[in-house]
Every structure is written in C-alpha cells, then in structure tokens.
Amino acid sequence: AEDDGYLITFASDMVNDWSEAVVLDAASPSAEPVARIRLPERISSGTHSTWAPLETL
C-alpha cells in the first residue's frame, strides 16, 4: 500500500541546543512517533531531505 513505510523528520530545541530524528508510521502520521532518536549534535533548521526508494539506499 502507499502508506507502507515510515516518515522521518527532524525536531530541534534551540533553547536547550539539541535535535532529534522523529520516526512516524506513514499510515498514521498523527499518532505518537514510532521512535524519537536524540542526535549527538543539533542540526541546522535549514536542513533539507528527499524521498528515496529502498533499492537506492
């Protein structure tokens, strides 16, 4: 199905100087995240991303 998979986005807390990757179920993106992964460094708020099929990863 089209919604089989995950959406990954980034969230940053500029006040406390940290970022995390937030993993969402593509079938239920408004549900609680599947995972929240604290990153070792805060990432820039101007970071861009793209979709890529599994075969290219």
PDB file of N, CA and C in Angstrom:
ATOM      1  N   ALA A   1       0.840  -1.195   0.000  1.00  0.00           N
ATOM      2  CA  ALA A   1       0.000   0.000   0.000  1.00  0.00           C
ATOM      3  C   ALA A   1       0.878   1.249   0.000  1.00  0.00           C
ATOM      4  N   GLU A   2       0.303   2.340  -0.431  1.00  0.00           N
ATOM      5  CA  GLU A   2       1.058   3.595  -0.497  1.00  0.00           C
ATOM      6  C   GLU A   2       1.602   4.043   0.850  1.00  0.00           C
ATOM      7  N   ASP A   3       0.888   3.714   1.918  1.00  0.00           N
ATOM      8  CA  ASP A   3       1.316   4.194   3.232  1.00  0.00           C
ATOM      9  C   ASP A   3       2.129   3.160   4.011  1.00  0.00           C
ATOM     10  N   ASP A   4       2.626   2.131   3.353  1.00  0.00           N
ATOM     11  CA  ASP A   4       3.556   1.195   3.993  1.00  0.00           C
ATOM     12  C   ASP A   4       4.902   1.891   4.119  1.00  0.00           C
ATOM     13  N   GLY A   5       5.347   2.111   5.317  1.00  0.00           N
ATOM     14  CA  GLY A   5       6.651   2.735   5.499  1.00  0.00           C
ATOM     15  C   GLY A   5       6.659   3.709   6.657  1.00  0.00           C
ATOM     16  N   TYR A   6       7.675   4.527   6.658  1.00  0.00           N
ATOM     17  CA  TYR A   6       7.885   5.477   7.745  1.00  0.00           C
ATOM     18  C   TYR A   6       8.224   6.844   7.182  1.00  0.00           C
ATOM     19  N   LEU A   7       7.869   7.865   7.928  1.00  0.00           N
ATOM     20  CA  LEU A   7       8.267   9.234   7.637  1.00  0.00           C
ATOM     21  C   LEU A   7       9.283   9.620   8.698  1.00  0.00           C
ATOM     22  N   ILE A   8      10.380  10.206   8.286  1.00  0.00           N
ATOM     23  CA  ILE A   8      11.409  10.628   9.236  1.00  0.00           C
ATOM     24  C   ILE A   8      11.602  12.124   9.081  1.00  0.00           C
ATOM     25  N   THR A   9      11.491  12.822  10.186  1.00  0.00           N
ATOM     26  CA  THR A   9      11.694  14.263  10.177  1.00  0.00           C
ATOM     27  C   THR A   9      12.587  14.624  11.352  1.00  0.00           C
ATOM     28  N   PHE A  10      12.980  15.871  11.410  1.00  0.00           N
ATOM     29  CA  PHE A  10      13.849  16.325  12.490  1.00  0.00           C
ATOM     30  C   PHE A  10      13.145  17.391  13.309  1.00  0.00           C
ATOM     31  N   ALA A  11      13.396  17.380  14.595  1.00  0.00           N
ATOM     32  CA  ALA A  11      12.899  18.405  15.501  1.00  0.00           C
ATOM     33  C   ALA A  11      14.094  18.949  16.267  1.00  0.00           C
ATOM     34  N   SER A  12      14.086  20.251  16.487  1.00  0.00           N
ATOM     35  CA  SER A  12      15.194  20.880  17.217  1.00  0.00           C
ATOM     36  C   SER A  12      14.661  21.737  18.344  1.00  0.00           C
ATOM     37  N   ASP A  13      15.367  21.727  19.440  1.00  0.00           N
ATOM     38  CA  ASP A  13      15.091  22.594  20.582  1.00  0.00           C
ATOM     39  C   ASP A  13      16.229  23.603  20.623  1.00  0.00           C
ATOM     40  N   MET A  14      15.971  24.799  20.109  1.00  0.00           N
ATOM     41  CA  MET A  14      17.022  25.808  20.015  1.00  0.00           C
ATOM     42  C   MET A  14      17.431  26.338  21.393  1.00  0.00           C
ATOM     43  N   VAL A  15      16.506  26.363  22.334  1.00  0.00           N
ATOM     44  CA  VAL A  15      16.810  26.872  23.672  1.00  0.00           C
ATOM     45  C   VAL A  15      17.782  25.943  24.392  1.00  0.00           C
ATOM     46  N   ASN A  16      17.525  24.638  24.308  1.00  0.00           N
ATOM     47  CA  ASN A  16      18.366  23.659  25.004  1.00  0.00           C
ATOM     48  C   ASN A  16      19.441  23.047  24.112  1.00  0.00           C
ATOM     49  N   ASP A  17      19.500  23.480  22.845  1.00  0.00           N
ATOM     50  CA  ASP A  17      20.570  23.131  21.907  1.00  0.00           C
ATOM     51  C   ASP A  17      20.671  21.634  21.625  1.00  0.00           C
ATOM     52  N   TRP A  18      19.535  21.018  21.207  1.00  0.00           N
ATOM     53  CA  TRP A  18      19.560  19.612  20.818  1.00  0.00           C
ATOM     54  C   TRP A  18      18.587  19.367  19.674  1.00  0.00           C
ATOM     55  N   SER A  19      18.791  18.266  18.965  1.00  0.00           N
ATOM     56  CA  SER A  19      17.898  17.843  17.881  1.00  0.00           C
ATOM     57  C   SER A  19      17.595  16.365  18.040  1.00  0.00           C
ATOM     58  N   GLU A  20      16.502  15.945  17.408  1.00  0.00           N
ATOM     59  CA  GLU A  20      16.166  14.535  17.390  1.00  0.00           C
ATOM     60  C   GLU A  20      15.556  14.182  16.042  1.00  0.00           C
ATOM     61  N   ALA A  21      15.724  12.930  15.650  1.00  0.00           N
ATOM     62  CA  ALA A  21      15.030  12.377  14.492  1.00  0.00           C
ATOM     63  C   ALA A  21      13.728  11.787  15.021  1.00  0.00           C
ATOM     64  N   VAL A  22      12.633  12.100  14.352  1.00  0.00           N
ATOM     65  CA  VAL A  22      11.325  11.607  14.759  1.00  0.00           C
ATOM     66  C   VAL A  22      10.823  10.674  13.659  1.00  0.00           C
ATOM     67  N   VAL A  23      10.527   9.434  14.028  1.00  0.00           N
ATOM     68  CA  VAL A  23      10.082   8.420  13.070  1.00  0.00           C
ATOM     69  C   VAL A  23       8.577   8.224  13.254  1.00  0.00           C
ATOM     70  N   LEU A  24       7.832   8.426  12.155  1.00  0.00           N
ATOM     71  CA  LEU A  24       6.378   8.305  12.179  1.00  0.00           C
ATOM     72  C   LEU A  24       5.935   7.160  11.277  1.00  0.00           C
ATOM     73  N   ASP A  25       4.873   6.476  11.659  1.00  0.00           N
ATOM     74  CA  ASP A  25       4.269   5.452  10.809  1.00  0.00           C
ATOM     75  C   ASP A  25       3.543   6.182   9.678  1.00  0.00           C
ATOM     76  N   ALA A  26       3.874   5.882   8.431  1.00  0.00           N
ATOM     77  CA  ALA A  26       3.274   6.582   7.291  1.00  0.00           C
ATOM     78  C   ALA A  26       1.759   6.391   7.232  1.00  0.00           C
ATOM     79  N   ALA A  27       1.248   5.295   7.771  1.00  0.00           N
ATOM     80  CA  ALA A  27      -0.192   5.040   7.778  1.00  0.00           C
ATOM     81  C   ALA A  27      -0.914   5.878   8.826  1.00  0.00           C
ATOM     82  N   SER A  28      -0.201   6.349   9.845  1.00  0.00           N
ATOM     83  CA  SER A  28      -0.807   7.118  10.942  1.00  0.00           C
ATOM     84  C   SER A  28       0.139   8.225  11.395  1.00  0.00           C
ATOM     85  N   PRO A  29       0.436   9.197  10.536  1.00  0.00           N
ATOM     86  CA  PRO A  29       1.429  10.208  10.908  1.00  0.00           C
ATOM     87  C   PRO A  29       1.031  11.099  12.086  1.00  0.00           C
ATOM     88  N   SER A  30      -0.255  11.155  12.416  1.00  0.00           N
ATOM     89  CA  SER A  30      -0.661  11.981  13.557  1.00  0.00           C
ATOM     90  C   SER A  30      -0.612  11.216  14.881  1.00  0.00           C
ATOM     91  N   ALA A  31      -0.340   9.916  14.831  1.00  0.00           N
ATOM     92  CA  ALA A  31      -0.200   9.108  16.053  1.00  0.00           C
ATOM     93  C   ALA A  31       1.133   9.419  16.728  1.00  0.00           C
ATOM     94  N   GLU A  32       1.308   8.887  17.916  1.00  0.00           N
ATOM     95  CA  GLU A  32       2.589   9.053  18.613  1.00  0.00           C
ATOM     96  C   GLU A  32       3.717   8.504  17.740  1.00  0.00           C
ATOM     97  N   PRO A  33       4.902   9.111  17.785  1.00  0.00           N
ATOM     98  CA  PRO A  33       6.021   8.620  16.973  1.00  0.00           C
ATOM     99  C   PRO A  33       6.386   7.173  17.306  1.00  0.00           C
ATOM    100  N   VAL A  34       6.842   6.458  16.287  1.00  0.00           N
ATOM    101  CA  VAL A  34       7.357   5.101  16.458  1.00  0.00           C
ATOM    102  C   VAL A  34       8.654   5.164  17.254  1.00  0.00           C
ATOM    103  N   ALA A  35       9.455   6.199  16.996  1.00  0.00           N
ATOM    104  CA  ALA A  35      10.731   6.376  17.704  1.00  0.00           C
ATOM    105  C   ALA A  35      11.121   7.844  17.693  1.00  0.00           C
ATOM    106  N   ARG A  36      11.863   8.234  18.718  1.00  0.00           N
ATOM    107  CA  ARG A  36      12.493   9.549  18.805  1.00  0.00           C
ATOM    108  C   ARG A  36      13.954   9.273  19.121  1.00  0.00           C
ATOM    109  N   ILE A  37      14.840   9.762  18.271  1.00  0.00           N
ATOM    110  CA  ILE A  37      16.261   9.450  18.416  1.00  0.00           C
ATOM    111  C   ILE A  37      17.030  10.746  18.627  1.00  0.00           C
ATOM    112  N   ARG A  38      17.549  10.934  19.832  1.00  0.00           N
ATOM    113  CA  ARG A  38      18.327  12.136  20.138  1.00  0.00           C
ATOM    114  C   ARG A  38      19.620  12.093  19.357  1.00  0.00           C
ATOM    115  N   LEU A  39      19.929  13.168  18.659  1.00  0.00           N
ATOM    116  CA  LEU A  39      21.140  13.243  17.846  1.00  0.00           C
ATOM    117  C   LEU A  39      22.292  13.803  18.668  1.00  0.00           C
ATOM    118  N   PRO A  40      23.520  13.426  18.336  1.00  0.00           N
ATOM    119  CA  PRO A  40      24.666  13.879  19.124  1.00  0.00           C
ATOM    120  C   PRO A  40      24.958  15.374  18.972  1.00  0.00           C
ATOM    121  N   GLU A  41      24.443  15.991  17.922  1.00  0.00           N
ATOM    122  CA  GLU A  41      24.633  17.426  17.686  1.00  0.00           C
ATOM    123  C   GLU A  41      23.310  18.022  17.229  1.00  0.00           C
ATOM    124  N   ARG A  42      23.098  19.307  17.493  1.00  0.00           N
ATOM    125  CA  ARG A  42      21.918  19.989  16.970  1.00  0.00           C
ATOM    126  C   ARG A  42      22.140  20.237  15.489  1.00  0.00           C
ATOM    127  N   ILE A  43      21.107  19.970  14.677  1.00  0.00           N
ATOM    128  CA  ILE A  43      21.237  20.207  13.245  1.00  0.00           C
ATOM    129  C   ILE A  43      20.637  21.556  12.878  1.00  0.00           C
ATOM    130  N   SER A  44      21.081  22.089  11.773  1.00  0.00           N
ATOM    131  CA  SER A  44      20.608  23.380  11.289  1.00  0.00           C
ATOM    132  C   SER A  44      19.129  23.301  10.940  1.00  0.00           C
ATOM    133  N   SER A  45      18.397  24.366  11.176  1.00  0.00           N
ATOM    134  CA  SER A  45      16.972  24.374  10.845  1.00  0.00           C
ATOM    135  C   SER A  45      16.742  24.466   9.339  1.00  0.00           C
ATOM    136  N   GLY A  46      17.778  24.712   8.556  1.00  0.00           N
ATOM    137  CA  GLY A  46      17.653  24.790   7.107  1.00  0.00           C
ATOM    138  C   GLY A  46      17.983  23.495   6.398  1.00  0.00           C
ATOM    139  N   THR A  47      18.077  22.383   7.132  1.00  0.00           N
ATOM    140  CA  THR A  47      18.425  21.096   6.537  1.00  0.00           C
ATOM    141  C   THR A  47      17.290  20.618   5.627  1.00  0.00           C
ATOM    142  N   HIS A  48      17.630  20.084   4.450  1.00  0.00           N
ATOM    143  CA  HIS A  48      16.639  19.574   3.504  1.00  0.00           C
ATOM    144  C   HIS A  48      16.738  18.057   3.423  1.00  0.00           C
ATOM    145  N   SER A  49      15.688  17.443   2.898  1.00  0.00           N
ATOM    146  CA  SER A  49      15.694  15.992   2.736  1.00  0.00           C
ATOM    147  C   SER A  49      14.992  15.623   1.439  1.00  0.00           C
ATOM    148  N   THR A  50      14.977  14.342   1.132  1.00  0.00           N
ATOM    149  CA  THR A  50      14.330  13.853  -0.083  1.00  0.00           C
ATOM    150  C   THR A  50      13.842  12.430   0.136  1.00  0.00           C
ATOM    151  N   TRP A  51      12.954  11.978  -0.725  1.00  0.00           N
ATOM    152  CA  TRP A  51      12.471  10.602  -0.687  1.00  0.00           C
ATOM    153  C   TRP A  51      13.365   9.765  -1.575  1.00  0.00           C
ATOM    154  N   ALA A  52      13.653   8.553  -1.155  1.00  0.00           N
ATOM    155  CA  ALA A  52      14.460   7.641  -1.969  1.00  0.00           C
ATOM    156  C   ALA A  52      13.910   6.230  -1.817  1.00  0.00           C
ATOM    157  N   PRO A  53      13.746   5.495  -2.919  1.00  0.00           N
ATOM    158  CA  PRO A  53      13.291   4.110  -2.812  1.00  0.00           C
ATOM    159  C   PRO A  53      14.354   3.242  -2.141  1.00  0.00           C
ATOM    160  N   LEU A  54      13.911   2.191  -1.489  1.00  0.00           N
ATOM    161  CA  LEU A  54      14.816   1.306  -0.756  1.00  0.00           C
ATOM    162  C   LEU A  54      15.956   0.798  -1.634  1.00  0.00           C
ATOM    163  N   GLU A  55      15.684   0.538  -2.896  1.00  0.00           N
ATOM    164  CA  GLU A  55      16.699  -0.012  -3.790  1.00  0.00           C
ATOM    165  C   GLU A  55      17.908   0.916  -3.958  1.00  0.00           C
ATOM    166  N   THR A  56      17.723   2.200  -3.734  1.00  0.00           N
ATOM    167  CA  THR A  56      18.832   3.146  -3.925  1.00  0.00           C
ATOM    168  C   THR A  56      19.616   3.407  -2.649  1.00  0.00           C
ATOM    169  N   LEU A  57      19.142   2.888  -1.534  1.00  0.00           N
ATOM    170  CA  LEU A  57      19.838   3.142  -0.268  1.00  0.00           C
ATOM    171  C   LEU A  57      20.960   2.159  -0.045  1.00  0.00           C
TER     172      LEU A  57
END
